[in-house]
Amino acid sequence: MITITASILTTTDNRQEVVALCAEHSARSRAERGCISHHIYADCEELSRLFFHEQWHDEAAVSAHFQVPESLKFVQALSALVGMRPVINIHRSEKISPEAL
């Protein structure tokens, strides 16, 4: 499984527009093949920060997601709104059963 985390900073002036854009992107992404989950969260400690948490079945699904034209348009629109590209981290992981703990 691949987990992607990303974060961006908003301002009071653009927050509503940024949240709407991110929510639309997350909903569209959840419909893609190989997407397990895709959500945007508000940081409770730093109110200007929004945090993405995504889970994908495999690297092929992630690669396909990054090639979707709407994903590129989303990053461009988001970067224009907040003045920078999102900080993205990709993590490779495996599930373990509770019995293994």
C-alpha atoms as a PDB file:
ATOM      1  CA  MET A   1       0.000   0.000   0.000  1.00  0.00           C
ATOM      2  CA  ILE A   2       1.134   3.558  -0.719  1.00  0.00           C
ATOM      3  CA  THR A   3       0.264   6.414   1.629  1.00  0.00           C
ATOM      4  CA  ILE A   4       0.651   9.995   0.494  1.00  0.00           C
ATOM      5  CA  THR A   5       0.665  12.913   2.897  1.00  0.00           C
ATOM      6  CA  ALA A   6       0.754  16.528   1.844  1.00  0.00           C
ATOM      7  CA  SER A   7       0.237  19.895   3.440  1.00  0.00           C
ATOM      8  CA  ILE A   8      -0.406  23.478   2.407  1.00  0.00           C
ATOM      9  CA  LEU A   9      -0.887  26.798   4.156  1.00  0.00           C
ATOM     10  CA  THR A  10      -3.920  28.991   3.565  1.00  0.00           C
ATOM     11  CA  THR A  11      -4.828  32.517   4.542  1.00  0.00           C
ATOM     12  CA  THR A  12      -8.101  33.887   5.858  1.00  0.00           C
ATOM     13  CA  ASP A  13      -8.597  35.457   2.429  1.00  0.00           C
ATOM     14  CA  ASN A  14      -8.304  32.237   0.411  1.00  0.00           C
ATOM     15  CA  ARG A  15      -9.185  29.471   2.884  1.00  0.00           C
ATOM     16  CA  GLN A  16     -12.780  28.922   1.742  1.00  0.00           C
ATOM     17  CA  GLU A  17     -11.757  28.714  -1.919  1.00  0.00           C
ATOM     18  CA  VAL A  18      -8.808  26.413  -1.104  1.00  0.00           C
ATOM     19  CA  VAL A  19     -10.979  24.073   0.982  1.00  0.00           C
ATOM     20  CA  ALA A  20     -13.594  23.860  -1.791  1.00  0.00           C
ATOM     21  CA  LEU A  21     -10.913  23.119  -4.392  1.00  0.00           C
ATOM     22  CA  CYS A  22      -9.313  20.449  -2.169  1.00  0.00           C
ATOM     23  CA  ALA A  23     -12.650  18.808  -1.313  1.00  0.00           C
ATOM     24  CA  GLU A  24     -13.513  18.582  -5.021  1.00  0.00           C
ATOM     25  CA  HIS A  25     -10.117  17.031  -5.775  1.00  0.00           C
ATOM     26  CA  SER A  26     -10.452  14.501  -2.940  1.00  0.00           C
ATOM     27  CA  ALA A  27     -13.933  13.423  -4.053  1.00  0.00           C
ATOM     28  CA  ARG A  28     -12.769  12.995  -7.650  1.00  0.00           C
ATOM     29  CA  SER A  29      -9.671  11.092  -6.552  1.00  0.00           C
ATOM     30  CA  ARG A  30     -11.685   8.646  -4.423  1.00  0.00           C
ATOM     31  CA  ALA A  31     -13.442   7.547  -7.616  1.00  0.00           C
ATOM     32  CA  GLU A  32     -10.150   6.580  -9.273  1.00  0.00           C
ATOM     33  CA  ARG A  33      -9.143   2.969  -9.647  1.00  0.00           C
ATOM     34  CA  GLY A  34      -6.741   1.941  -6.898  1.00  0.00           C
ATOM     35  CA  CYS A  35      -7.720   4.673  -4.437  1.00  0.00           C
ATOM     36  CA  ILE A  36      -8.415   3.317  -0.954  1.00  0.00           C
ATOM     37  CA  SER A  37      -8.990   6.707   0.676  1.00  0.00           C
ATOM     38  CA  HIS A  38      -8.339  10.376  -0.069  1.00  0.00           C
ATOM     39  CA  HIS A  39      -9.175  13.122   2.441  1.00  0.00           C
ATOM     40  CA  ILE A  40      -8.263  16.664   3.433  1.00  0.00           C
ATOM     41  CA  TYR A  41      -8.089  17.669   7.094  1.00  0.00           C
ATOM     42  CA  ALA A  42      -7.666  20.925   9.004  1.00  0.00           C
ATOM     43  CA  ASP A  43      -4.726  21.111  11.398  1.00  0.00           C
ATOM     44  CA  CYS A  44      -6.110  21.802  14.892  1.00  0.00           C
ATOM     45  CA  GLU A  45      -2.818  23.281  16.103  1.00  0.00           C
ATOM     46  CA  GLU A  46      -1.977  25.447  13.095  1.00  0.00           C
ATOM     47  CA  LEU A  47      -5.288  26.665  11.710  1.00  0.00           C
ATOM     48  CA  SER A  48      -3.824  27.874   8.423  1.00  0.00           C
ATOM     49  CA  ARG A  49      -2.519  24.380   7.538  1.00  0.00           C
ATOM     50  CA  LEU A  50      -4.518  21.808   5.565  1.00  0.00           C
ATOM     51  CA  PHE A  51      -3.324  18.219   5.478  1.00  0.00           C
ATOM     52  CA  PHE A  52      -3.955  15.534   2.856  1.00  0.00           C
ATOM     53  CA  HIS A  53      -3.992  11.841   3.698  1.00  0.00           C
ATOM     54  CA  GLU A  54      -4.304   9.414   0.788  1.00  0.00           C
ATOM     55  CA  GLN A  55      -4.040   5.626   0.538  1.00  0.00           C
ATOM     56  CA  TRP A  56      -3.522   3.796  -2.749  1.00  0.00           C
ATOM     57  CA  HIS A  57      -3.316   0.089  -3.559  1.00  0.00           C
ATOM     58  CA  ASP A  58       0.047   0.290  -5.323  1.00  0.00           C
ATOM     59  CA  GLU A  59       2.536   2.466  -7.181  1.00  0.00           C
ATOM     60  CA  ALA A  60       0.711   1.930 -10.486  1.00  0.00           C
ATOM     61  CA  ALA A  61      -2.408   3.544  -8.994  1.00  0.00           C
ATOM     62  CA  VAL A  62      -0.363   6.485  -7.694  1.00  0.00           C
ATOM     63  CA  SER A  63       1.316   6.928 -11.069  1.00  0.00           C
ATOM     64  CA  ALA A  64      -2.049   6.866 -12.841  1.00  0.00           C
ATOM     65  CA  HIS A  65      -3.430   9.407 -10.338  1.00  0.00           C
ATOM     66  CA  PHE A  66      -0.564  11.832 -10.997  1.00  0.00           C
ATOM     67  CA  GLN A  67      -1.178  11.507 -14.752  1.00  0.00           C
ATOM     68  CA  VAL A  68      -4.881  12.384 -14.605  1.00  0.00           C
ATOM     69  CA  PRO A  69      -5.208  15.824 -16.260  1.00  0.00           C
ATOM     70  CA  GLU A  70      -7.479  17.039 -13.455  1.00  0.00           C
ATOM     71  CA  SER A  71      -4.779  16.215 -10.881  1.00  0.00           C
ATOM     72  CA  LEU A  72      -2.273  18.429 -12.688  1.00  0.00           C
ATOM     73  CA  LYS A  73      -4.860  21.210 -13.013  1.00  0.00           C
ATOM     74  CA  PHE A  74      -5.617  20.873  -9.306  1.00  0.00           C
ATOM     75  CA  VAL A  75      -1.953  21.277  -8.303  1.00  0.00           C
ATOM     76  CA  GLN A  76      -1.590  24.276 -10.600  1.00  0.00           C
ATOM     77  CA  ALA A  77      -4.754  25.956  -9.276  1.00  0.00           C
ATOM     78  CA  LEU A  78      -3.858  25.199  -5.653  1.00  0.00           C
ATOM     79  CA  SER A  79      -0.298  26.474  -6.103  1.00  0.00           C
ATOM     80  CA  ALA A  80      -1.622  29.702  -7.619  1.00  0.00           C
ATOM     81  CA  LEU A  81      -4.002  30.211  -4.676  1.00  0.00           C
ATOM     82  CA  VAL A  82      -1.487  29.561  -1.893  1.00  0.00           C
ATOM     83  CA  GLY A  83       1.697  30.765  -3.627  1.00  0.00           C
ATOM     84  CA  MET A  84       3.585  27.462  -3.456  1.00  0.00           C
ATOM     85  CA  ARG A  85       3.350  23.800  -4.396  1.00  0.00           C
ATOM     86  CA  PRO A  86       2.103  21.398  -1.706  1.00  0.00           C
ATOM     87  CA  VAL A  87       4.743  19.607   0.384  1.00  0.00           C
ATOM     88  CA  ILE A  88       4.238  15.932  -0.561  1.00  0.00           C
ATOM     89  CA  ASN A  89       5.591  12.766   1.081  1.00  0.00           C
ATOM     90  CA  ILE A  90       5.115   9.245  -0.268  1.00  0.00           C
ATOM     91  CA  HIS A  91       5.284   6.282   2.115  1.00  0.00           C
ATOM     92  CA  ARG A  92       5.341   2.594   1.214  1.00  0.00           C
ATOM     93  CA  SER A  93       3.785   0.345   3.840  1.00  0.00           C
ATOM     94  CA  GLU A  94       2.152  -2.961   4.484  1.00  0.00           C
ATOM     95  CA  LYS A  95      -0.783  -3.889   6.651  1.00  0.00           C
ATOM     96  CA  ILE A  96      -0.243  -6.174   9.613  1.00  0.00           C
ATOM     97  CA  SER A  97      -2.854  -8.186  11.413  1.00  0.00           C
ATOM     98  CA  PRO A  98      -3.741  -7.294  15.025  1.00  0.00           C
ATOM     99  CA  GLU A  99      -2.585 -10.767  16.033  1.00  0.00           C
ATOM    100  CA  ALA A 100       0.948  -9.889  14.908  1.00  0.00           C
ATOM    101  CA  LEU A 101       1.233  -7.162  17.548  1.00  0.00           C
END
